[in-house]
Amino acid sequence: MKTIIEAANDKFNSQVKKFCSVIDDYKEELGLDDLKVAQLKKASLVFDYSLGASGIFANFAEAMNAWRTIYRYDKHGAILTAFPIIPTLGVLPEVTPPNIQKMFADLIQDCANSGNFNITIARALGILAPETPFVPGDGKPNLTGKVATGGHPLLHATMGEFEAYLIQKDAGEGFKDLATAMHPDQLDHSALPDVGKSAVWKYRAIYFYKGEIVGTYSDEIIITVYGY
């Protein structure tokens, strides 16, 4: 399960406000610190106020610019109204120490560290990362490789929810099945070239899911091996 902190200010503001509005329902269950929760709630009020003020005054500036243009040029005989009304804001919140980002991140980590934390709670708190459905047919291994100790190629692919991946190798005569990797790393034990000689081997891979090949082949990778 992955959690997320929104990057954009408006989305971050909405996310923190949602978290603060429901956290009391889970605070005891998750064993959260009352002081840290209270500090985040106060910081949320400050951040929300500052964001709202920015929007209000941005709209005022736009209205004033439009008014000034009419006043200067009298475009098309436009009717000039009174000055745009200078906005007023509500009661200023108490400014708290900065770094609401860290406050929020720390509380999310505290939630994750609790043995009672689960997907349902994460979703309710608004911190669950978008859930991408697993579609086996969309799988494509991110195959990589390097020469390991001893000169043999070491191949790697992320497994995820797939049970294995089939490795095919082209040693100069086209791709042929080499091995079925049950783990992310797989060593190619094929005999190396004679001493002083080299060879170029190509590899590709495709996933297994429930005993069947699924998805598409990975991009081909090339590894040069040498005889020792």
C-alpha atoms as a PDB file:
ATOM      1  CA  MET A   1       0.000   0.000   0.000  1.00  0.00           C
ATOM      2  CA  LYS A   2       1.345   3.397  -1.007  1.00  0.00           C
ATOM      3  CA  THR A   3       0.469   6.763   0.462  1.00  0.00           C
ATOM      4  CA  ILE A   4       0.682  10.111  -1.275  1.00  0.00           C
ATOM      5  CA  ILE A   5       1.120  13.801  -0.494  1.00  0.00           C
ATOM      6  CA  GLU A   6      -0.265  16.035  -3.212  1.00  0.00           C
ATOM      7  CA  ALA A   7       2.223  18.418  -4.840  1.00  0.00           C
ATOM      8  CA  ALA A   8       0.006  21.261  -6.080  1.00  0.00           C
ATOM      9  CA  ASN A   9      -0.900  23.773  -3.368  1.00  0.00           C
ATOM     10  CA  ASP A  10      -4.650  23.593  -3.931  1.00  0.00           C
ATOM     11  CA  LYS A  11      -4.709  19.798  -3.898  1.00  0.00           C
ATOM     12  CA  PHE A  12      -2.376  19.683  -0.901  1.00  0.00           C
ATOM     13  CA  ASN A  13      -4.638  22.100   0.956  1.00  0.00           C
ATOM     14  CA  SER A  14      -7.738  20.000   0.242  1.00  0.00           C
ATOM     15  CA  GLN A  15      -5.907  16.828   1.229  1.00  0.00           C
ATOM     16  CA  VAL A  16      -4.705  18.178   4.576  1.00  0.00           C
ATOM     17  CA  LYS A  17      -8.136  19.625   5.365  1.00  0.00           C
ATOM     18  CA  LYS A  18      -9.757  16.260   4.688  1.00  0.00           C
ATOM     19  CA  PHE A  19      -7.156  14.471   6.829  1.00  0.00           C
ATOM     20  CA  CYS A  20      -7.718  16.884   9.707  1.00  0.00           C
ATOM     21  CA  SER A  21     -11.494  16.601   9.455  1.00  0.00           C
ATOM     22  CA  VAL A  22     -11.541  12.832  10.004  1.00  0.00           C
ATOM     23  CA  ILE A  23      -8.312  12.028  11.854  1.00  0.00           C
ATOM     24  CA  ASP A  24     -10.021  12.130  15.266  1.00  0.00           C
ATOM     25  CA  ASP A  25     -12.055   9.084  14.204  1.00  0.00           C
ATOM     26  CA  TYR A  26      -8.845   7.050  13.841  1.00  0.00           C
ATOM     27  CA  LYS A  27      -6.398   8.809  16.181  1.00  0.00           C
ATOM     28  CA  GLU A  28      -6.819   6.388  19.056  1.00  0.00           C
ATOM     29  CA  GLU A  29      -6.921   3.293  16.849  1.00  0.00           C
ATOM     30  CA  LEU A  30      -3.670   4.299  15.168  1.00  0.00           C
ATOM     31  CA  GLY A  31      -2.018   5.435  18.397  1.00  0.00           C
ATOM     32  CA  LEU A  32      -1.266   8.941  17.115  1.00  0.00           C
ATOM     33  CA  ASP A  33       0.198  11.700  19.263  1.00  0.00           C
ATOM     34  CA  ASP A  34      -2.467  14.249  20.267  1.00  0.00           C
ATOM     35  CA  LEU A  35      -0.018  17.163  20.137  1.00  0.00           C
ATOM     36  CA  LYS A  36       1.170  16.351  16.601  1.00  0.00           C
ATOM     37  CA  VAL A  37      -2.428  16.099  15.407  1.00  0.00           C
ATOM     38  CA  ALA A  38      -3.313  19.418  17.052  1.00  0.00           C
ATOM     39  CA  GLN A  39      -0.273  21.117  15.504  1.00  0.00           C
ATOM     40  CA  LEU A  40      -1.230  19.923  12.034  1.00  0.00           C
ATOM     41  CA  LYS A  41      -4.793  21.192  12.480  1.00  0.00           C
ATOM     42  CA  LYS A  42      -3.515  24.665  13.426  1.00  0.00           C
ATOM     43  CA  ALA A  43      -1.047  24.686  10.538  1.00  0.00           C
ATOM     44  CA  SER A  44      -3.833  23.638   8.175  1.00  0.00           C
ATOM     45  CA  LEU A  45      -5.844  26.731   9.133  1.00  0.00           C
ATOM     46  CA  VAL A  46      -2.857  28.952   8.370  1.00  0.00           C
ATOM     47  CA  PHE A  47      -2.154  27.314   5.016  1.00  0.00           C
ATOM     48  CA  ASP A  48      -5.815  27.424   4.004  1.00  0.00           C
ATOM     49  CA  TYR A  49      -6.036  31.110   4.939  1.00  0.00           C
ATOM     50  CA  SER A  50      -2.916  32.033   2.974  1.00  0.00           C
ATOM     51  CA  LEU A  51      -4.088  30.139  -0.100  1.00  0.00           C
ATOM     52  CA  GLY A  52      -7.542  31.689   0.031  1.00  0.00           C
ATOM     53  CA  ALA A  53      -6.081  35.180   0.477  1.00  0.00           C
ATOM     54  CA  SER A  54      -3.860  34.696  -2.569  1.00  0.00           C
ATOM     55  CA  GLY A  55      -6.853  33.789  -4.707  1.00  0.00           C
ATOM     56  CA  ILE A  56      -9.000  36.663  -3.427  1.00  0.00           C
ATOM     57  CA  PHE A  57      -6.335  39.286  -4.048  1.00  0.00           C
ATOM     58  CA  ALA A  58      -5.418  37.784  -7.426  1.00  0.00           C
ATOM     59  CA  ASN A  59      -9.039  38.288  -8.492  1.00  0.00           C
ATOM     60  CA  PHE A  60      -8.959  41.828  -7.099  1.00  0.00           C
ATOM     61  CA  ALA A  61      -5.767  42.612  -9.018  1.00  0.00           C
ATOM     62  CA  GLU A  62      -7.345  41.333 -12.237  1.00  0.00           C
ATOM     63  CA  ALA A  63     -10.442  43.495 -11.667  1.00  0.00           C
ATOM     64  CA  MET A  64      -8.315  46.553 -10.891  1.00  0.00           C
ATOM     65  CA  ASN A  65      -6.205  46.043 -14.020  1.00  0.00           C
ATOM     66  CA  ALA A  66      -9.352  45.867 -16.133  1.00  0.00           C
ATOM     67  CA  TRP A  67     -10.739  49.018 -14.446  1.00  0.00           C
ATOM     68  CA  ARG A  68      -7.470  50.909 -15.067  1.00  0.00           C
ATOM     69  CA  THR A  69      -7.458  49.963 -18.748  1.00  0.00           C
ATOM     70  CA  ILE A  70     -10.940  51.384 -19.183  1.00  0.00           C
ATOM     71  CA  TYR A  71     -10.010  54.500 -17.213  1.00  0.00           C
ATOM     72  CA  ARG A  72      -6.957  55.134 -19.355  1.00  0.00           C
ATOM     73  CA  TYR A  73      -8.327  54.451 -22.813  1.00  0.00           C
ATOM     74  CA  ASP A  74     -12.112  54.656 -22.474  1.00  0.00           C
ATOM     75  CA  LYS A  75     -12.340  51.690 -24.837  1.00  0.00           C
ATOM     76  CA  HIS A  76     -15.536  51.627 -26.908  1.00  0.00           C
ATOM     77  CA  GLY A  77     -17.211  54.089 -24.563  1.00  0.00           C
ATOM     78  CA  ALA A  78     -17.306  51.594 -21.729  1.00  0.00           C
ATOM     79  CA  ILE A  79     -19.155  52.729 -18.626  1.00  0.00           C
ATOM     80  CA  LEU A  80     -16.699  53.328 -15.851  1.00  0.00           C
ATOM     81  CA  THR A  81     -17.897  52.082 -12.500  1.00  0.00           C
ATOM     82  CA  ALA A  82     -16.466  52.881  -9.098  1.00  0.00           C
ATOM     83  CA  PHE A  83     -13.212  51.326  -7.987  1.00  0.00           C
ATOM     84  CA  PRO A  84     -13.392  47.557  -7.483  1.00  0.00           C
ATOM     85  CA  ILE A  85     -14.129  46.867  -3.857  1.00  0.00           C
ATOM     86  CA  ILE A  86     -11.005  46.110  -1.887  1.00  0.00           C
ATOM     87  CA  PRO A  87     -11.537  42.656  -0.384  1.00  0.00           C
ATOM     88  CA  THR A  88     -11.450  41.974   3.311  1.00  0.00           C
ATOM     89  CA  LEU A  89     -10.433  38.725   4.886  1.00  0.00           C
ATOM     90  CA  GLY A  90     -11.711  36.920   7.912  1.00  0.00           C
ATOM     91  CA  VAL A  91     -10.004  36.689  11.271  1.00  0.00           C
ATOM     92  CA  LEU A  92      -6.311  35.928  10.959  1.00  0.00           C
ATOM     93  CA  PRO A  93      -5.391  32.493  12.296  1.00  0.00           C
ATOM     94  CA  GLU A  94      -2.584  32.106  14.784  1.00  0.00           C
ATOM     95  CA  VAL A  95       0.629  31.651  12.823  1.00  0.00           C
ATOM     96  CA  THR A  96       2.348  28.417  13.806  1.00  0.00           C
ATOM     97  CA  PRO A  97       5.933  27.252  13.183  1.00  0.00           C
ATOM     98  CA  PRO A  98       6.501  26.494   9.471  1.00  0.00           C
ATOM     99  CA  ASN A  99       6.938  23.251   7.535  1.00  0.00           C
ATOM    100  CA  ILE A 100       3.413  21.889   7.362  1.00  0.00           C
ATOM    101  CA  GLN A 101       4.770  19.500   4.705  1.00  0.00           C
ATOM    102  CA  LYS A 102       6.943  17.739   7.296  1.00  0.00           C
ATOM    103  CA  MET A 103       4.170  17.776   9.913  1.00  0.00           C
ATOM    104  CA  PHE A 104       1.862  16.033   7.484  1.00  0.00           C
ATOM    105  CA  ALA A 105       4.523  13.590   6.271  1.00  0.00           C
ATOM    106  CA  ASP A 106       5.442  12.657   9.850  1.00  0.00           C
ATOM    107  CA  LEU A 107       1.826  11.945  10.770  1.00  0.00           C
ATOM    108  CA  ILE A 108       1.345   9.847   7.653  1.00  0.00           C
ATOM    109  CA  GLN A 109       4.426   7.852   8.623  1.00  0.00           C
ATOM    110  CA  ASP A 110       3.034   7.414  12.140  1.00  0.00           C
ATOM    111  CA  CYS A 111      -0.159   6.060  10.586  1.00  0.00           C
ATOM    112  CA  ALA A 112       1.794   3.654   8.380  1.00  0.00           C
ATOM    113  CA  ASN A 113       3.805   2.424  11.370  1.00  0.00           C
ATOM    114  CA  SER A 114       0.640   1.439  13.218  1.00  0.00           C
ATOM    115  CA  GLY A 115      -0.332  -2.196  13.084  1.00  0.00           C
ATOM    116  CA  ASN A 116      -3.955  -1.126  12.662  1.00  0.00           C
ATOM    117  CA  PHE A 117      -3.355   0.920   9.523  1.00  0.00           C
ATOM    118  CA  ASN A 118      -5.048  -0.441   6.402  1.00  0.00           C
ATOM    119  CA  ILE A 119      -6.290   0.564   2.950  1.00  0.00           C
ATOM    120  CA  THR A 120      -9.744   1.498   4.251  1.00  0.00           C
ATOM    121  CA  ILE A 121      -8.294   3.974   6.761  1.00  0.00           C
ATOM    122  CA  ALA A 122      -5.801   5.371   4.234  1.00  0.00           C
ATOM    123  CA  ARG A 123      -8.618   5.987   1.781  1.00  0.00           C
ATOM    124  CA  ALA A 124     -10.768   7.650   4.459  1.00  0.00           C
ATOM    125  CA  LEU A 125      -7.883   9.942   5.421  1.00  0.00           C
ATOM    126  CA  GLY A 126      -7.282  10.906   1.799  1.00  0.00           C
ATOM    127  CA  ILE A 127      -3.671   9.699   1.738  1.00  0.00           C
ATOM    128  CA  LEU A 128      -4.001   6.518  -0.326  1.00  0.00           C
ATOM    129  CA  ALA A 129      -2.065   6.725  -3.585  1.00  0.00           C
ATOM    130  CA  PRO A 130      -4.161   6.174  -6.739  1.00  0.00           C
ATOM    131  CA  GLU A 131      -4.872   2.497  -7.121  1.00  0.00           C
ATOM    132  CA  THR A 132      -3.952   1.178 -10.559  1.00  0.00           C
ATOM    133  CA  PRO A 133      -5.732  -2.090 -11.324  1.00  0.00           C
ATOM    134  CA  PHE A 134      -3.459  -5.015 -12.106  1.00  0.00           C
ATOM    135  CA  VAL A 135      -3.986  -6.101 -15.705  1.00  0.00           C
ATOM    136  CA  PRO A 136      -1.702  -9.054 -16.558  1.00  0.00           C
ATOM    137  CA  GLY A 137      -2.104  -8.457 -20.264  1.00  0.00           C
ATOM    138  CA  ASP A 138      -0.501  -5.033 -19.935  1.00  0.00           C
ATOM    139  CA  GLY A 139       2.683  -6.457 -18.439  1.00  0.00           C
ATOM    140  CA  LYS A 140       6.040  -5.691 -20.027  1.00  0.00           C
ATOM    141  CA  PRO A 141       9.209  -6.619 -18.118  1.00  0.00           C
ATOM    142  CA  ASN A 142      11.696  -3.824 -17.455  1.00  0.00           C
ATOM    143  CA  LEU A 143      14.598  -6.134 -18.220  1.00  0.00           C
ATOM    144  CA  THR A 144      18.113  -4.967 -17.356  1.00  0.00           C
ATOM    145  CA  GLY A 145      21.421  -6.781 -17.280  1.00  0.00           C
ATOM    146  CA  LYS A 146      25.076  -6.552 -16.416  1.00  0.00           C
ATOM    147  CA  VAL A 147      28.158  -8.748 -16.312  1.00  0.00           C
ATOM    148  CA  ALA A 148      28.476 -10.257 -12.862  1.00  0.00           C
ATOM    149  CA  THR A 149      31.477 -11.658 -11.041  1.00  0.00           C
ATOM    150  CA  GLY A 150      32.839 -14.544 -13.095  1.00  0.00           C
ATOM    151  CA  GLY A 151      31.867 -12.942 -16.394  1.00  0.00           C
ATOM    152  CA  HIS A 152      28.331 -14.310 -16.667  1.00  0.00           C
ATOM    153  CA  PRO A 153      25.381 -12.005 -17.432  1.00  0.00           C
ATOM    154  CA  LEU A 154      23.108 -11.200 -14.501  1.00  0.00           C
ATOM    155  CA  LEU A 155      19.583 -10.314 -15.628  1.00  0.00           C
ATOM    156  CA  HIS A 156      16.958  -8.492 -13.596  1.00  0.00           C
ATOM    157  CA  ALA A 157      13.248  -7.684 -13.968  1.00  0.00           C
ATOM    158  CA  THR A 158      10.640  -6.442 -11.501  1.00  0.00           C
ATOM    159  CA  MET A 159       8.241  -9.238 -10.567  1.00  0.00           C
ATOM    160  CA  GLY A 160       5.307  -7.386  -8.995  1.00  0.00           C
ATOM    161  CA  GLU A 161       2.259  -9.665  -9.036  1.00  0.00           C
ATOM    162  CA  PHE A 162       3.651 -11.843 -11.816  1.00  0.00           C
ATOM    163  CA  GLU A 163       4.835 -15.310 -10.823  1.00  0.00           C
ATOM    164  CA  ALA A 164       7.811 -15.558 -13.193  1.00  0.00           C
ATOM    165  CA  TYR A 165       9.297 -14.324 -16.432  1.00  0.00           C
ATOM    166  CA  LEU A 166      10.616 -16.237 -19.425  1.00  0.00           C
ATOM    167  CA  ILE A 167      14.055 -15.202 -20.641  1.00  0.00           C
ATOM    168  CA  GLN A 168      14.970 -15.653 -24.283  1.00  0.00           C
ATOM    169  CA  LYS A 169      18.488 -15.307 -25.604  1.00  0.00           C
ATOM    170  CA  ASP A 170      19.942 -14.639 -29.035  1.00  0.00           C
ATOM    171  CA  ALA A 171      23.562 -15.767 -29.260  1.00  0.00           C
ATOM    172  CA  GLY A 172      23.657 -15.262 -33.009  1.00  0.00           C
ATOM    173  CA  GLU A 173      21.017 -17.710 -34.193  1.00  0.00           C
ATOM    174  CA  GLY A 174      17.814 -15.944 -33.187  1.00  0.00           C
ATOM    175  CA  PHE A 175      15.966 -15.872 -29.885  1.00  0.00           C
ATOM    176  CA  LYS A 176      15.603 -19.162 -28.044  1.00  0.00           C
ATOM    177  CA  ASP A 177      14.213 -19.941 -24.584  1.00  0.00           C
ATOM    178  CA  LEU A 178      16.944 -19.721 -21.970  1.00  0.00           C
ATOM    179  CA  ALA A 179      15.321 -19.942 -18.533  1.00  0.00           C
ATOM    180  CA  THR A 180      12.192 -19.237 -16.518  1.00  0.00           C
ATOM    181  CA  ALA A 181      13.117 -16.843 -13.732  1.00  0.00           C
ATOM    182  CA  MET A 182      11.152 -17.314 -10.511  1.00  0.00           C
ATOM    183  CA  HIS A 183      12.945 -14.409  -8.833  1.00  0.00           C
ATOM    184  CA  PRO A 184      13.871 -10.899 -10.015  1.00  0.00           C
ATOM    185  CA  ASP A 185      17.535 -11.836 -10.596  1.00  0.00           C
ATOM    186  CA  GLN A 186      18.616 -14.590 -12.951  1.00  0.00           C
ATOM    187  CA  LEU A 187      22.189 -15.558 -13.870  1.00  0.00           C
ATOM    188  CA  ASP A 188      22.960 -16.886 -17.347  1.00  0.00           C
ATOM    189  CA  HIS A 189      25.224 -19.874 -16.735  1.00  0.00           C
ATOM    190  CA  SER A 190      25.932 -20.464 -20.423  1.00  0.00           C
ATOM    191  CA  ALA A 191      29.523 -21.286 -21.317  1.00  0.00           C
ATOM    192  CA  LEU A 192      31.566 -18.180 -21.975  1.00  0.00           C
ATOM    193  CA  PRO A 193      33.665 -17.690 -25.136  1.00  0.00           C
ATOM    194  CA  ASP A 194      37.169 -19.081 -25.335  1.00  0.00           C
ATOM    195  CA  VAL A 195      39.908 -17.150 -23.565  1.00  0.00           C
ATOM    196  CA  GLY A 196      40.714 -13.919 -25.382  1.00  0.00           C
ATOM    197  CA  LYS A 197      37.495 -13.911 -27.383  1.00  0.00           C
ATOM    198  CA  SER A 198      34.218 -12.070 -26.914  1.00  0.00           C
ATOM    199  CA  ALA A 199      30.587 -12.505 -27.893  1.00  0.00           C
ATOM    200  CA  VAL A 200      27.514 -10.290 -28.054  1.00  0.00           C
ATOM    201  CA  TRP A 201      24.391 -11.807 -26.497  1.00  0.00           C
ATOM    202  CA  LYS A 202      20.923 -10.356 -26.743  1.00  0.00           C
ATOM    203  CA  TYR A 203      18.109 -10.954 -24.270  1.00  0.00           C
ATOM    204  CA  ARG A 204      14.404 -10.300 -23.958  1.00  0.00           C
ATOM    205  CA  ALA A 205      11.776 -11.395 -21.453  1.00  0.00           C
ATOM    206  CA  ILE A 206       8.044 -11.864 -21.075  1.00  0.00           C
ATOM    207  CA  TYR A 207       5.923 -12.493 -17.987  1.00  0.00           C
ATOM    208  CA  PHE A 208       4.166 -15.606 -16.716  1.00  0.00           C
ATOM    209  CA  TYR A 209       0.887 -15.268 -14.828  1.00  0.00           C
ATOM    210  CA  LYS A 210      -1.066 -18.286 -13.589  1.00  0.00           C
ATOM    211  CA  GLY A 211       1.044 -20.576 -15.698  1.00  0.00           C
ATOM    212  CA  GLU A 212       0.550 -18.714 -18.960  1.00  0.00           C
ATOM    213  CA  ILE A 213       2.637 -16.236 -20.920  1.00  0.00           C
ATOM    214  CA  VAL A 214       1.029 -12.795 -20.791  1.00  0.00           C
ATOM    215  CA  GLY A 215       1.721  -9.262 -21.935  1.00  0.00           C
ATOM    216  CA  THR A 216       4.435  -8.209 -24.349  1.00  0.00           C
ATOM    217  CA  TYR A 217       8.153  -8.808 -24.618  1.00  0.00           C
ATOM    218  CA  SER A 218      10.550  -6.449 -22.940  1.00  0.00           C
ATOM    219  CA  ASP A 219      12.861  -4.237 -24.921  1.00  0.00           C
ATOM    220  CA  GLU A 220      15.940  -6.148 -26.043  1.00  0.00           C
ATOM    221  CA  ILE A 221      19.145  -5.672 -24.088  1.00  0.00           C
ATOM    222  CA  ILE A 222      22.681  -6.416 -25.274  1.00  0.00           C
ATOM    223  CA  ILE A 223      25.510  -7.724 -23.139  1.00  0.00           C
ATOM    224  CA  THR A 224      29.052  -8.347 -24.322  1.00  0.00           C
ATOM    225  CA  VAL A 225      30.803 -11.253 -22.631  1.00  0.00           C
ATOM    226  CA  TYR A 226      34.462 -12.253 -22.660  1.00  0.00           C
ATOM    227  CA  GLY A 227      36.380 -15.457 -22.186  1.00  0.00           C
ATOM    228  CA  TYR A 228      38.589 -15.700 -19.129  1.00  0.00           C
END
